[in-house]
């Protein structure tokens, strides 16, 4: 079902990392 949302992500070279709704922790922790 189609719906309009906002999508967020980070790019680093060929890496594409999607961000989710709410908190996204950035770091070296597993």
ModelCIF file with pLDDT and N, C-alpha, C, O atoms, coordinates in Angstrom:
data_MODEL
#
_entry.id   MODEL 
#
_entity.id                         1 
_entity.type                       polymer 
_entity.pdbx_number_of_molecules   1 
#
_entity_poly.entity_id                      1 
_entity_poly.type                           'polypeptide(L)' 
_entity_poly.nstd_linkage                   no 
_entity_poly.nstd_monomer                   no 
_entity_poly.pdbx_seq_one_letter_code       
;(UNK)(UNK)(UNK)(UNK)(UNK)(UNK)(UNK)(UNK)(UNK)(UNK)(UNK)(UNK)(UNK)(UNK)(UNK)(UNK)
(UNK)(UNK)(UNK)(UNK)(UNK)(UNK)(UNK)(UNK)(UNK)(UNK)(UNK)(UNK)(UNK)(UNK)
;
_entity_poly.pdbx_seq_one_letter_code_can   XXXXXXXXXXXXXXXXXXXXXXXXXXXXXX 
_entity_poly.pdbx_strand_id                 A 
#
loop_
_entity_poly_seq.entity_id 
_entity_poly_seq.num 
_entity_poly_seq.mon_id 
_entity_poly_seq.hetero 
1 1  UNK n 
1 2  UNK n 
1 3  UNK n 
1 4  UNK n 
1 5  UNK n 
1 6  UNK n 
1 7  UNK n 
1 8  UNK n 
1 9  UNK n 
1 10 UNK n 
1 11 UNK n 
1 12 UNK n 
1 13 UNK n 
1 14 UNK n 
1 15 UNK n 
1 16 UNK n 
1 17 UNK n 
1 18 UNK n 
1 19 UNK n 
1 20 UNK n 
1 21 UNK n 
1 22 UNK n 
1 23 UNK n 
1 24 UNK n 
1 25 UNK n 
1 26 UNK n 
1 27 UNK n 
1 28 UNK n 
1 29 UNK n 
1 30 UNK n 
#
_struct_asym.id          A 
_struct_asym.entity_id   1 
#
loop_
_ma_qa_metric.id 
_ma_qa_metric.mode 
_ma_qa_metric.name 
_ma_qa_metric.software_group_id 
_ma_qa_metric.type 
1 global pLDDT . pLDDT 
2 local  pLDDT . pLDDT 
#
_ma_qa_metric_global.metric_id      1 
_ma_qa_metric_global.metric_value   81.10 
_ma_qa_metric_global.model_id       1 
_ma_qa_metric_global.ordinal_id     1 
#
loop_
_ma_qa_metric_local.label_asym_id 
_ma_qa_metric_local.label_comp_id 
_ma_qa_metric_local.label_seq_id 
_ma_qa_metric_local.metric_id 
_ma_qa_metric_local.metric_value 
_ma_qa_metric_local.model_id 
_ma_qa_metric_local.ordinal_id 
A UNK 1  2 51.00 1 1  
A UNK 2  2 44.00 1 2  
A UNK 3  2 43.00 1 3  
A UNK 4  2 44.00 1 4  
A UNK 5  2 58.00 1 5  
A UNK 6  2 71.00 1 6  
A UNK 7  2 87.00 1 7  
A UNK 8  2 93.00 1 8  
A UNK 9  2 93.00 1 9  
A UNK 10 2 95.00 1 10 
A UNK 11 2 93.00 1 11 
A UNK 12 2 89.00 1 12 
A UNK 13 2 83.00 1 13 
A UNK 14 2 79.00 1 14 
A UNK 15 2 82.00 1 15 
A UNK 16 2 86.00 1 16 
A UNK 17 2 89.00 1 17 
A UNK 18 2 89.00 1 18 
A UNK 19 2 90.00 1 19 
A UNK 20 2 86.00 1 20 
A UNK 21 2 82.00 1 21 
A UNK 22 2 83.00 1 22 
A UNK 23 2 87.00 1 23 
A UNK 24 2 91.00 1 24 
A UNK 25 2 92.00 1 25 
A UNK 26 2 95.00 1 26 
A UNK 27 2 94.00 1 27 
A UNK 28 2 92.00 1 28 
A UNK 29 2 90.00 1 29 
A UNK 30 2 82.00 1 30 
#
loop_
_atom_site.group_PDB 
_atom_site.id 
_atom_site.type_symbol 
_atom_site.label_atom_id 
_atom_site.label_alt_id 
_atom_site.label_comp_id 
_atom_site.label_asym_id 
_atom_site.label_entity_id 
_atom_site.label_seq_id 
_atom_site.pdbx_PDB_ins_code 
_atom_site.Cartn_x 
_atom_site.Cartn_y 
_atom_site.Cartn_z 
_atom_site.occupancy 
_atom_site.B_iso_or_equiv 
_atom_site.pdbx_formal_charge 
_atom_site.auth_seq_id 
_atom_site.auth_comp_id 
_atom_site.auth_asym_id 
_atom_site.auth_atom_id 
_atom_site.pdbx_PDB_model_num 
ATOM 1   N N  . UNK A 1 1  ? 0.848  -1.178 0.000  1.00 51.00 ? 1  UNK A N  1 
ATOM 2   C CA . UNK A 1 1  ? 0.000  0.000  0.000  1.00 51.00 ? 1  UNK A CA 1 
ATOM 3   C C  . UNK A 1 1  ? 0.887  1.233  0.000  1.00 51.00 ? 1  UNK A C  1 
ATOM 4   O O  . UNK A 1 1  ? 1.777  1.368  0.840  1.00 51.00 ? 1  UNK A O  1 
ATOM 5   N N  . UNK A 1 2  ? 0.643  2.124  -0.938 1.00 44.00 ? 2  UNK A N  1 
ATOM 6   C CA . UNK A 1 2  ? 1.478  3.318  -1.041 1.00 44.00 ? 2  UNK A CA 1 
ATOM 7   C C  . UNK A 1 2  ? 1.075  4.342  -0.002 1.00 44.00 ? 2  UNK A C  1 
ATOM 8   O O  . UNK A 1 2  ? -0.111 4.533  0.269  1.00 44.00 ? 2  UNK A O  1 
ATOM 9   N N  . UNK A 1 3  ? 2.044  4.986  0.567  1.00 43.00 ? 3  UNK A N  1 
ATOM 10  C CA . UNK A 1 3  ? 1.796  6.075  1.494  1.00 43.00 ? 3  UNK A CA 1 
ATOM 11  C C  . UNK A 1 3  ? 3.025  6.971  1.503  1.00 43.00 ? 3  UNK A C  1 
ATOM 12  O O  . UNK A 1 3  ? 4.137  6.524  1.219  1.00 43.00 ? 3  UNK A O  1 
ATOM 13  N N  . UNK A 1 4  ? 2.812  8.242  1.832  1.00 44.00 ? 4  UNK A N  1 
ATOM 14  C CA . UNK A 1 4  ? 3.898  9.201  1.834  1.00 44.00 ? 4  UNK A CA 1 
ATOM 15  C C  . UNK A 1 4  ? 4.513  9.288  3.222  1.00 44.00 ? 4  UNK A C  1 
ATOM 16  O O  . UNK A 1 4  ? 3.824  9.582  4.199  1.00 44.00 ? 4  UNK A O  1 
ATOM 17  N N  . UNK A 1 5  ? 5.798  9.032  3.301  1.00 58.00 ? 5  UNK A N  1 
ATOM 18  C CA . UNK A 1 5  ? 6.536  9.094  4.546  1.00 58.00 ? 5  UNK A CA 1 
ATOM 19  C C  . UNK A 1 5  ? 7.816  9.867  4.314  1.00 58.00 ? 5  UNK A C  1 
ATOM 20  O O  . UNK A 1 5  ? 8.208  10.117 3.174  1.00 58.00 ? 5  UNK A O  1 
ATOM 21  N N  . UNK A 1 6  ? 8.458  10.238 5.390  1.00 71.00 ? 6  UNK A N  1 
ATOM 22  C CA . UNK A 1 6  ? 9.789  10.823 5.279  1.00 71.00 ? 6  UNK A CA 1 
ATOM 23  C C  . UNK A 1 6  ? 10.796 9.720  5.539  1.00 71.00 ? 6  UNK A C  1 
ATOM 24  O O  . UNK A 1 6  ? 10.715 9.034  6.558  1.00 71.00 ? 6  UNK A O  1 
ATOM 25  N N  . UNK A 1 7  ? 11.737 9.541  4.639  1.00 87.00 ? 7  UNK A N  1 
ATOM 26  C CA . UNK A 1 7  ? 12.801 8.556  4.812  1.00 87.00 ? 7  UNK A CA 1 
ATOM 27  C C  . UNK A 1 7  ? 14.099 9.297  5.080  1.00 87.00 ? 7  UNK A C  1 
ATOM 28  O O  . UNK A 1 7  ? 14.384 10.313 4.446  1.00 87.00 ? 7  UNK A O  1 
ATOM 29  N N  . UNK A 1 8  ? 14.881 8.792  6.015  1.00 93.00 ? 8  UNK A N  1 
ATOM 30  C CA . UNK A 1 8  ? 16.130 9.435  6.413  1.00 93.00 ? 8  UNK A CA 1 
ATOM 31  C C  . UNK A 1 8  ? 17.245 8.402  6.339  1.00 93.00 ? 8  UNK A C  1 
ATOM 32  O O  . UNK A 1 8  ? 17.031 7.238  6.678  1.00 93.00 ? 8  UNK A O  1 
ATOM 33  N N  . UNK A 1 9  ? 18.433 8.810  5.901  1.00 93.00 ? 9  UNK A N  1 
ATOM 34  C CA . UNK A 1 9  ? 19.555 7.888  5.888  1.00 93.00 ? 9  UNK A CA 1 
ATOM 35  C C  . UNK A 1 9  ? 20.874 8.655  5.863  1.00 93.00 ? 9  UNK A C  1 
ATOM 36  O O  . UNK A 1 9  ? 20.906 9.859  5.608  1.00 93.00 ? 9  UNK A O  1 
ATOM 37  N N  . UNK A 1 10 ? 21.962 7.933  6.134  1.00 95.00 ? 10 UNK A N  1 
ATOM 38  C CA . UNK A 1 10 ? 23.316 8.474  6.066  1.00 95.00 ? 10 UNK A CA 1 
ATOM 39  C C  . UNK A 1 10 ? 24.066 7.779  4.947  1.00 95.00 ? 10 UNK A C  1 
ATOM 40  O O  . UNK A 1 10 ? 23.903 6.579  4.725  1.00 95.00 ? 10 UNK A O  1 
ATOM 41  N N  . UNK A 1 11 ? 24.896 8.547  4.240  1.00 93.00 ? 11 UNK A N  1 
ATOM 42  C CA . UNK A 1 11 ? 25.718 8.008  3.164  1.00 93.00 ? 11 UNK A CA 1 
ATOM 43  C C  . UNK A 1 11 ? 27.187 8.190  3.495  1.00 93.00 ? 11 UNK A C  1 
ATOM 44  O O  . UNK A 1 11 ? 27.608 9.249  3.960  1.00 93.00 ? 11 UNK A O  1 
ATOM 45  N N  . UNK A 1 12 ? 27.972 7.126  3.246  1.00 89.00 ? 12 UNK A N  1 
ATOM 46  C CA . UNK A 1 12 ? 29.426 7.196  3.373  1.00 89.00 ? 12 UNK A CA 1 
ATOM 47  C C  . UNK A 1 12 ? 30.003 6.326  2.270  1.00 89.00 ? 12 UNK A C  1 
ATOM 48  O O  . UNK A 1 12 ? 30.071 5.104  2.408  1.00 89.00 ? 12 UNK A O  1 
ATOM 49  N N  . UNK A 1 13 ? 30.417 6.947  1.182  1.00 83.00 ? 13 UNK A N  1 
ATOM 50  C CA . UNK A 1 13 ? 30.870 6.167  0.034  1.00 83.00 ? 13 UNK A CA 1 
ATOM 51  C C  . UNK A 1 13 ? 29.703 5.369  -0.519 1.00 83.00 ? 13 UNK A C  1 
ATOM 52  O O  . UNK A 1 13 ? 28.680 5.941  -0.896 1.00 83.00 ? 13 UNK A O  1 
ATOM 53  N N  . UNK A 1 14 ? 29.853 4.027  -0.572 1.00 79.00 ? 14 UNK A N  1 
ATOM 54  C CA . UNK A 1 14 ? 28.774 3.170  -1.056 1.00 79.00 ? 14 UNK A CA 1 
ATOM 55  C C  . UNK A 1 14 ? 27.885 2.661  0.075  1.00 79.00 ? 14 UNK A C  1 
ATOM 56  O O  . UNK A 1 14 ? 26.912 1.951  -0.176 1.00 79.00 ? 14 UNK A O  1 
ATOM 57  N N  . UNK A 1 15 ? 28.209 3.017  1.309  1.00 82.00 ? 15 UNK A N  1 
ATOM 58  C CA . UNK A 1 15 ? 27.380 2.597  2.443  1.00 82.00 ? 15 UNK A CA 1 
ATOM 59  C C  . UNK A 1 15 ? 26.151 3.484  2.548  1.00 82.00 ? 15 UNK A C  1 
ATOM 60  O O  . UNK A 1 15 ? 26.261 4.710  2.542  1.00 82.00 ? 15 UNK A O  1 
ATOM 61  N N  . UNK A 1 16 ? 24.985 2.866  2.643  1.00 86.00 ? 16 UNK A N  1 
ATOM 62  C CA . UNK A 1 16 ? 23.721 3.585  2.817  1.00 86.00 ? 16 UNK A CA 1 
ATOM 63  C C  . UNK A 1 16 ? 23.068 3.047  4.077  1.00 86.00 ? 16 UNK A C  1 
ATOM 64  O O  . UNK A 1 16 ? 22.622 1.900  4.113  1.00 86.00 ? 16 UNK A O  1 
ATOM 65  N N  . UNK A 1 17 ? 23.014 3.878  5.111  1.00 89.00 ? 17 UNK A N  1 
ATOM 66  C CA . UNK A 1 17 ? 22.530 3.435  6.412  1.00 89.00 ? 17 UNK A CA 1 
ATOM 67  C C  . UNK A 1 17 ? 21.199 4.116  6.720  1.00 89.00 ? 17 UNK A C  1 
ATOM 68  O O  . UNK A 1 17 ? 21.182 5.308  7.027  1.00 89.00 ? 17 UNK A O  1 
ATOM 69  N N  . UNK A 1 18 ? 20.081 3.386  6.644  1.00 89.00 ? 18 UNK A N  1 
ATOM 70  C CA . UNK A 1 18 ? 18.780 3.994  6.929  1.00 89.00 ? 18 UNK A CA 1 
ATOM 71  C C  . UNK A 1 18 ? 18.644 4.333  8.407  1.00 89.00 ? 18 UNK A C  1 
ATOM 72  O O  . UNK A 1 18 ? 19.150 3.613  9.268  1.00 89.00 ? 18 UNK A O  1 
ATOM 73  N N  . UNK A 1 19 ? 17.958 5.433  8.692  1.00 90.00 ? 19 UNK A N  1 
ATOM 74  C CA . UNK A 1 19 ? 17.667 5.840  10.057 1.00 90.00 ? 19 UNK A CA 1 
ATOM 75  C C  . UNK A 1 19 ? 16.205 5.518  10.340 1.00 90.00 ? 19 UNK A C  1 
ATOM 76  O O  . UNK A 1 19 ? 15.343 5.695  9.480  1.00 90.00 ? 19 UNK A O  1 
ATOM 77  N N  . UNK A 1 20 ? 15.940 5.049  11.542 1.00 86.00 ? 20 UNK A N  1 
ATOM 78  C CA . UNK A 1 20 ? 14.589 4.621  11.890 1.00 86.00 ? 20 UNK A CA 1 
ATOM 79  C C  . UNK A 1 20 ? 13.886 5.703  12.688 1.00 86.00 ? 20 UNK A C  1 
ATOM 80  O O  . UNK A 1 20 ? 14.516 6.626  13.204 1.00 86.00 ? 20 UNK A O  1 
ATOM 81  N N  . UNK A 1 21 ? 12.576 5.574  12.779 1.00 82.00 ? 21 UNK A N  1 
ATOM 82  C CA . UNK A 1 21 ? 11.802 6.495  13.596 1.00 82.00 ? 21 UNK A CA 1 
ATOM 83  C C  . UNK A 1 21 ? 12.199 6.334  15.056 1.00 82.00 ? 21 UNK A C  1 
ATOM 84  O O  . UNK A 1 21 ? 12.299 5.216  15.561 1.00 82.00 ? 21 UNK A O  1 
ATOM 85  N N  . UNK A 1 22 ? 12.426 7.458  15.732 1.00 83.00 ? 22 UNK A N  1 
ATOM 86  C CA . UNK A 1 22 ? 12.876 7.418  17.114 1.00 83.00 ? 22 UNK A CA 1 
ATOM 87  C C  . UNK A 1 22 ? 14.378 7.595  17.216 1.00 83.00 ? 22 UNK A C  1 
ATOM 88  O O  . UNK A 1 22 ? 14.982 8.286  16.396 1.00 83.00 ? 22 UNK A O  1 
ATOM 89  N N  . UNK A 1 23 ? 14.984 6.975  18.218 1.00 87.00 ? 23 UNK A N  1 
ATOM 90  C CA . UNK A 1 23 ? 16.403 7.177  18.513 1.00 87.00 ? 23 UNK A CA 1 
ATOM 91  C C  . UNK A 1 23 ? 17.296 6.236  17.717 1.00 87.00 ? 23 UNK A C  1 
ATOM 92  O O  . UNK A 1 23 ? 17.053 5.031  17.654 1.00 87.00 ? 23 UNK A O  1 
ATOM 93  N N  . UNK A 1 24 ? 18.335 6.807  17.112 1.00 91.00 ? 24 UNK A N  1 
ATOM 94  C CA . UNK A 1 24 ? 19.363 6.043  16.405 1.00 91.00 ? 24 UNK A CA 1 
ATOM 95  C C  . UNK A 1 24 ? 20.708 6.342  17.066 1.00 91.00 ? 24 UNK A C  1 
ATOM 96  O O  . UNK A 1 24 ? 21.244 7.440  16.917 1.00 91.00 ? 24 UNK A O  1 
ATOM 97  N N  . UNK A 1 25 ? 21.251 5.374  17.790 1.00 92.00 ? 25 UNK A N  1 
ATOM 98  C CA . UNK A 1 25 ? 22.547 5.566  18.429 1.00 92.00 ? 25 UNK A CA 1 
ATOM 99  C C  . UNK A 1 25 ? 23.651 5.342  17.401 1.00 92.00 ? 25 UNK A C  1 
ATOM 100 O O  . UNK A 1 25 ? 23.621 4.376  16.637 1.00 92.00 ? 25 UNK A O  1 
ATOM 101 N N  . UNK A 1 26 ? 24.623 6.247  17.395 1.00 95.00 ? 26 UNK A N  1 
ATOM 102 C CA . UNK A 1 26 ? 25.781 6.168  16.510 1.00 95.00 ? 26 UNK A CA 1 
ATOM 103 C C  . UNK A 1 26 ? 27.002 5.846  17.361 1.00 95.00 ? 26 UNK A C  1 
ATOM 104 O O  . UNK A 1 26 ? 27.247 6.524  18.359 1.00 95.00 ? 26 UNK A O  1 
ATOM 105 N N  . UNK A 1 27 ? 27.782 4.815  16.984 1.00 94.00 ? 27 UNK A N  1 
ATOM 106 C CA . UNK A 1 27 ? 28.971 4.523  17.764 1.00 94.00 ? 27 UNK A CA 1 
ATOM 107 C C  . UNK A 1 27 ? 29.596 3.181  17.429 1.00 94.00 ? 27 UNK A C  1 
ATOM 108 O O  . UNK A 1 27 ? 29.200 2.515  16.473 1.00 94.00 ? 27 UNK A O  1 
ATOM 109 N N  . UNK A 1 28 ? 30.590 2.792  18.240 1.00 92.00 ? 28 UNK A N  1 
ATOM 110 C CA . UNK A 1 28 ? 31.306 1.534  18.039 1.00 92.00 ? 28 UNK A CA 1 
ATOM 111 C C  . UNK A 1 28 ? 30.675 0.364  18.778 1.00 92.00 ? 28 UNK A C  1 
ATOM 112 O O  . UNK A 1 28 ? 31.067 -0.781 18.551 1.00 92.00 ? 28 UNK A O  1 
ATOM 113 N N  . UNK A 1 29 ? 29.703 0.618  19.662 1.00 90.00 ? 29 UNK A N  1 
ATOM 114 C CA . UNK A 1 29 ? 29.056 -0.467 20.402 1.00 90.00 ? 29 UNK A CA 1 
ATOM 115 C C  . UNK A 1 29 ? 28.336 -1.395 19.432 1.00 90.00 ? 29 UNK A C  1 
ATOM 116 O O  . UNK A 1 29 ? 27.765 -0.945 18.438 1.00 90.00 ? 29 UNK A O  1 
ATOM 117 N N  . UNK A 1 30 ? 28.365 -2.700 19.728 1.00 82.00 ? 30 UNK A N  1 
ATOM 118 C CA . UNK A 1 30 ? 27.744 -3.677 18.834 1.00 82.00 ? 30 UNK A CA 1 
ATOM 119 C C  . UNK A 1 30 ? 26.258 -3.426 18.665 1.00 82.00 ? 30 UNK A C  1 
ATOM 120 O O  . UNK A 1 30 ? 25.586 -4.161 17.942 1.00 82.00 ? 30 UNK A O  1 
#
